[in-house]
Amino acid sequence: MEKVKNEAVIVIKDLVKAFGEKVILDGFNMTVEKGSNVVILGKSGSGKSVLIKCIIGLLQPDSGSIHVFNGNVPEMNEDELDEARSKIGFLFQSNALYDSMTIRENLEFPLLRHWVDIEKEEVDRLVSEALENVDLLHTLDMMPSELSGGMLKRVALARTMILRPEVILYDEPTTGLDPVTSREIEDLILKLQKKNHTSSIIISHDMNCVKNTADLVVLLLEGKCYTEGTYEELEQSADQNIKQFFE
């Protein structure tokens, strides 16, 4: 029986991006369905970060299209880009929390920047709710320097989710974390996906993270979508270009 596809929230077609003579993306294609987690797998330097930057409009591709929420990112003006970005959450590998701000202030920052007319009571409610979602309400008035690496990652995830984005981009969400904390982050990714029906693109070298979070795995090789499938489908492949990631 053929699988019925859900609504597509991101559709990338024939994407090309080069820096000088070095071609990074060479006709890349990918579709992200609503409510799904897509993991992009590839070697270091294969173009995963370049792809993410193109999706959020930080880099302009040389050709091709990136349709996000039915608009083509390369053709958007600044106002349209800002509107699209307000619906996209980004979990940075480095967490990107402000060291000089309390956890409360870090979470308030995106709310006050994007929702300028929001009432203080609503800000307080959303901040508390976001921290409760990651079991860190007790850190509200602490500084980032007082938290462990795993706690910082969870706070960063809470800040990413506070605007209730429709799409989340995760950049190596478990890098540098111990196995127990990594599993906690993976569980949170799945919990928030289920609770908010978010769609996600996850960049990861951590094969446990890939196995535990991916609905679909896309292999980026030589600038193209070399193949895609479930973790189990790719794990069973005899193709050496695929097998190397599972050995």
Protein backbone atom coordinates (compact mmCIF):
# COMPACT_ATOMS: atom_id res chain seq x y z
CA MET A 1 0.00 0.00 0.00
CA GLU A 2 1.47 3.37 -1.03
CA LYS A 3 2.18 5.78 1.79
CA VAL A 4 -0.05 8.85 1.83
CA LYS A 5 2.06 12.00 2.02
CA ASN A 6 1.27 14.77 4.46
CA GLU A 7 1.31 18.47 3.65
CA ALA A 8 4.81 19.67 2.71
CA VAL A 9 6.15 22.61 4.75
CA ILE A 10 9.57 22.81 3.04
CA VAL A 11 10.22 21.87 -0.59
CA ILE A 12 13.75 22.32 -1.97
CA LYS A 13 14.29 21.85 -5.70
CA ASP A 14 17.51 21.80 -7.73
CA LEU A 15 19.41 23.91 -5.18
CA VAL A 16 22.87 25.02 -6.27
CA LYS A 17 25.38 26.94 -4.13
CA ALA A 18 29.05 27.44 -4.89
CA PHE A 19 31.84 29.49 -3.37
CA GLY A 20 34.11 30.40 -6.25
CA GLU A 21 34.91 27.16 -8.08
CA LYS A 22 33.95 24.97 -5.11
CA VAL A 23 30.43 23.64 -5.60
CA ILE A 24 28.81 22.82 -2.25
CA LEU A 25 25.21 22.09 -3.26
CA ASP A 26 24.79 20.72 -6.76
CA GLY A 27 21.11 20.26 -7.54
CA PHE A 28 19.93 19.27 -4.07
CA ASN A 29 16.30 18.20 -3.60
CA MET A 30 14.39 17.56 -0.37
CA THR A 31 10.85 17.69 1.00
CA VAL A 32 9.92 18.03 4.68
CA GLU A 33 6.39 16.97 5.55
CA LYS A 34 4.36 18.62 8.29
CA GLY A 35 5.00 17.04 11.69
CA SER A 36 8.04 15.02 10.59
CA ASN A 37 11.67 14.95 11.70
CA VAL A 38 14.13 14.86 8.79
CA VAL A 39 17.77 14.15 9.64
CA ILE A 40 20.41 15.31 7.17
CA LEU A 41 23.38 12.96 7.21
CA GLY A 42 26.70 13.78 5.58
CA LYS A 43 30.41 14.06 6.13
CA SER A 44 32.00 17.21 7.57
CA GLY A 45 32.14 19.87 4.88
CA SER A 46 29.45 18.20 2.79
CA GLY A 47 27.21 21.27 2.85
CA LYS A 48 24.75 20.61 5.68
CA SER A 49 25.31 23.98 7.38
CA VAL A 50 25.27 25.78 4.03
CA LEU A 51 21.90 24.18 3.31
CA ILE A 52 20.47 25.35 6.64
CA LYS A 53 21.73 28.91 6.01
CA CYS A 54 20.06 28.90 2.59
CA ILE A 55 16.76 27.74 4.12
CA ILE A 56 16.64 30.69 6.54
CA GLY A 57 17.92 33.18 3.97
CA LEU A 58 21.36 33.84 5.43
CA LEU A 59 22.92 32.66 2.18
CA GLN A 60 21.58 33.29 -1.32
CA PRO A 61 21.73 30.17 -3.53
CA ASP A 62 23.02 30.44 -7.08
CA SER A 63 19.91 28.72 -8.45
CA GLY A 64 17.02 26.54 -7.41
CA SER A 65 14.08 27.13 -5.08
CA ILE A 66 13.37 26.77 -1.36
CA HIS A 67 9.64 26.94 -0.69
CA VAL A 68 8.90 27.47 2.99
CA PHE A 69 5.26 28.14 3.99
CA ASN A 70 4.49 28.45 0.25
CA GLY A 71 6.96 31.31 -0.31
CA ASN A 72 10.27 30.96 -2.17
CA VAL A 73 13.02 32.08 0.25
CA PRO A 74 15.51 33.34 -2.40
CA GLU A 75 12.81 35.68 -3.75
CA MET A 76 11.64 37.05 -0.38
CA ASN A 77 12.26 40.65 0.66
CA GLU A 78 13.44 41.45 4.20
CA ASP A 79 9.91 41.80 5.64
CA GLU A 80 8.86 38.48 4.14
CA LEU A 81 12.04 36.84 5.42
CA ASP A 82 11.42 38.19 8.93
CA GLU A 83 7.88 36.82 8.87
CA ALA A 84 9.09 33.39 7.72
CA ARG A 85 11.90 33.35 10.31
CA SER A 86 9.40 34.10 13.09
CA LYS A 87 7.87 30.69 12.32
CA ILE A 88 11.25 28.91 12.30
CA GLY A 89 13.14 27.96 15.45
CA PHE A 90 16.91 27.39 15.39
CA LEU A 91 18.76 25.37 18.03
CA PHE A 92 22.41 26.35 17.65
CA GLN A 93 25.16 23.82 18.33
CA SER A 94 26.73 26.33 20.74
CA ASN A 95 23.31 27.08 22.35
CA ALA A 96 23.92 30.82 21.72
CA LEU A 97 22.57 31.96 25.10
CA TYR A 98 23.48 35.44 26.30
CA ASP A 99 26.00 35.04 29.15
CA SER A 100 25.12 38.41 30.70
CA MET A 101 21.39 37.61 30.92
CA THR A 102 19.53 35.40 33.37
CA ILE A 103 17.67 32.38 32.01
CA ARG A 104 14.44 34.36 32.34
CA GLU A 105 15.90 37.25 30.29
CA ASN A 106 17.23 34.85 27.65
CA LEU A 107 13.75 33.44 27.12
CA GLU A 108 12.08 36.86 27.24
CA PHE A 109 14.35 38.21 24.51
CA PRO A 110 12.69 36.57 21.44
CA LEU A 111 9.21 37.35 22.80
CA LEU A 112 9.95 41.06 23.24
CA ARG A 113 11.72 41.23 19.87
CA HIS A 114 9.01 39.54 17.80
CA TRP A 115 5.87 40.29 19.81
CA VAL A 116 6.40 43.94 20.78
CA ASP A 117 2.86 44.47 22.09
CA ILE A 118 2.83 41.45 24.38
CA GLU A 119 1.76 42.03 28.01
CA LYS A 120 4.20 41.31 30.86
CA GLU A 121 1.83 38.73 32.36
CA GLU A 122 1.79 36.81 29.08
CA VAL A 123 5.59 36.98 28.85
CA ASP A 124 5.89 35.55 32.36
CA ARG A 125 3.40 32.79 31.55
CA LEU A 126 5.13 31.76 28.32
CA VAL A 127 8.60 31.79 29.92
CA SER A 128 7.41 29.60 32.79
CA GLU A 129 5.61 27.24 30.42
CA ALA A 130 8.69 26.90 28.19
CA LEU A 131 10.93 26.04 31.14
CA GLU A 132 8.37 23.61 32.54
CA ASN A 133 8.41 21.79 29.19
CA VAL A 134 12.12 21.05 29.69
CA ASP A 135 11.86 20.51 33.49
CA LEU A 136 13.97 23.56 34.33
CA LEU A 137 11.56 26.03 35.92
CA HIS A 138 13.86 26.23 38.95
CA THR A 139 16.59 27.85 36.81
CA LEU A 140 14.45 30.93 36.04
CA ASP A 141 16.69 33.46 37.79
CA MET A 142 20.01 31.65 37.38
CA MET A 143 22.81 32.64 35.01
CA PRO A 144 23.96 30.39 32.14
CA SER A 145 27.35 29.96 33.84
CA GLU A 146 25.58 28.17 36.72
CA LEU A 147 24.15 25.41 34.50
CA SER A 148 25.62 22.19 33.13
CA GLY A 149 26.05 21.57 29.39
CA GLY A 150 22.90 19.46 29.25
CA MET A 151 20.87 22.06 31.14
CA LEU A 152 22.11 24.80 28.79
CA LYS A 153 20.99 22.73 25.80
CA ARG A 154 17.54 22.28 27.35
CA VAL A 155 17.26 26.03 28.06
CA ALA A 156 18.28 26.74 24.47
CA LEU A 157 15.57 24.34 23.31
CA ALA A 158 13.03 26.10 25.55
CA ARG A 159 14.00 29.45 24.01
CA THR A 160 13.71 27.96 20.52
CA MET A 161 10.19 26.73 21.28
CA ILE A 162 8.88 29.82 23.05
CA LEU A 163 7.62 31.45 19.85
CA ARG A 164 5.88 28.16 18.98
CA PRO A 165 7.62 27.77 15.63
CA GLU A 166 6.15 25.56 12.93
CA VAL A 167 9.61 24.40 11.87
CA ILE A 168 12.72 23.78 14.00
CA LEU A 169 16.27 23.50 12.69
CA TYR A 170 18.57 21.54 15.02
CA ASP A 171 22.33 21.89 14.51
CA GLU A 172 24.07 18.91 16.17
CA PRO A 173 21.71 18.87 19.18
CA THR A 174 23.62 16.16 21.11
CA THR A 175 27.24 17.06 20.29
CA GLY A 176 29.45 17.17 23.39
CA LEU A 177 26.84 15.63 25.67
CA ASP A 178 27.15 12.38 27.61
CA PRO A 179 24.93 9.45 26.52
CA VAL A 180 22.34 9.95 29.28
CA THR A 181 21.97 13.68 28.59
CA SER A 182 21.92 13.03 24.83
CA ARG A 183 18.98 10.67 25.31
CA GLU A 184 17.19 13.33 27.39
CA ILE A 185 17.58 15.83 24.52
CA GLU A 186 16.37 13.26 21.99
CA ASP A 187 13.32 12.55 24.17
CA LEU A 188 12.61 16.28 24.40
CA ILE A 189 12.82 16.64 20.61
CA LEU A 190 10.25 13.85 20.26
CA LYS A 191 8.07 15.23 23.07
CA LEU A 192 7.92 18.69 21.51
CA GLN A 193 7.33 17.23 18.04
CA LYS A 194 4.33 15.29 19.35
CA LYS A 195 2.98 18.10 21.54
CA ASN A 196 3.27 20.92 19.00
CA HIS A 197 3.23 18.93 15.73
CA THR A 198 6.39 20.72 14.65
CA SER A 199 8.40 19.84 11.57
CA SER A 200 12.16 19.58 12.05
CA ILE A 201 15.42 19.37 10.15
CA ILE A 202 18.16 17.83 12.28
CA ILE A 203 21.85 17.90 11.42
CA SER A 204 23.67 15.22 13.38
CA HIS A 205 26.76 12.99 13.34
CA ASP A 206 25.40 11.12 16.38
CA MET A 207 23.93 7.92 14.95
CA ASN A 208 22.00 7.23 18.15
CA CYS A 209 20.34 10.63 17.75
CA VAL A 210 19.62 9.85 14.09
CA LYS A 211 18.10 6.47 14.99
CA ASN A 212 16.01 7.82 17.86
CA THR A 213 14.63 11.00 16.25
CA ALA A 214 14.43 10.54 12.47
CA ASP A 215 11.24 9.87 10.58
CA LEU A 216 13.28 10.28 7.40
CA VAL A 217 17.05 10.29 6.82
CA VAL A 218 18.47 12.25 3.87
CA LEU A 219 22.05 11.53 2.80
CA LEU A 220 23.81 14.61 1.42
CA LEU A 221 26.68 13.45 -0.79
CA GLU A 222 28.59 15.42 -3.42
CA GLY A 223 26.06 18.24 -3.17
CA LYS A 224 23.06 16.08 -3.95
CA CYS A 225 20.42 14.08 -2.10
CA TYR A 226 22.16 10.75 -2.68
CA THR A 227 19.34 8.79 -1.09
CA GLU A 228 16.62 9.02 1.53
CA GLY A 229 14.70 6.56 3.66
CA THR A 230 14.03 5.46 7.21
CA TYR A 231 16.97 4.71 9.50
CA GLU A 232 16.21 0.99 9.20
CA GLU A 233 16.11 1.11 5.39
CA LEU A 234 19.45 2.88 5.12
CA GLU A 235 21.05 0.71 7.81
CA GLN A 236 20.28 -2.41 5.75
CA SER A 237 21.72 -0.97 2.51
CA ALA A 238 24.64 -2.73 0.83
CA ASP A 239 25.77 0.53 -0.82
CA GLN A 240 29.16 1.46 0.66
CA ASN A 241 28.40 5.18 0.40
CA ILE A 242 25.52 4.55 2.81
CA LYS A 243 27.08 1.75 4.89
CA GLN A 244 30.01 3.91 5.98
CA PHE A 245 27.72 5.90 8.28
CA PHE A 246 26.37 2.79 10.00
CA GLU A 247 29.61 0.89 10.62
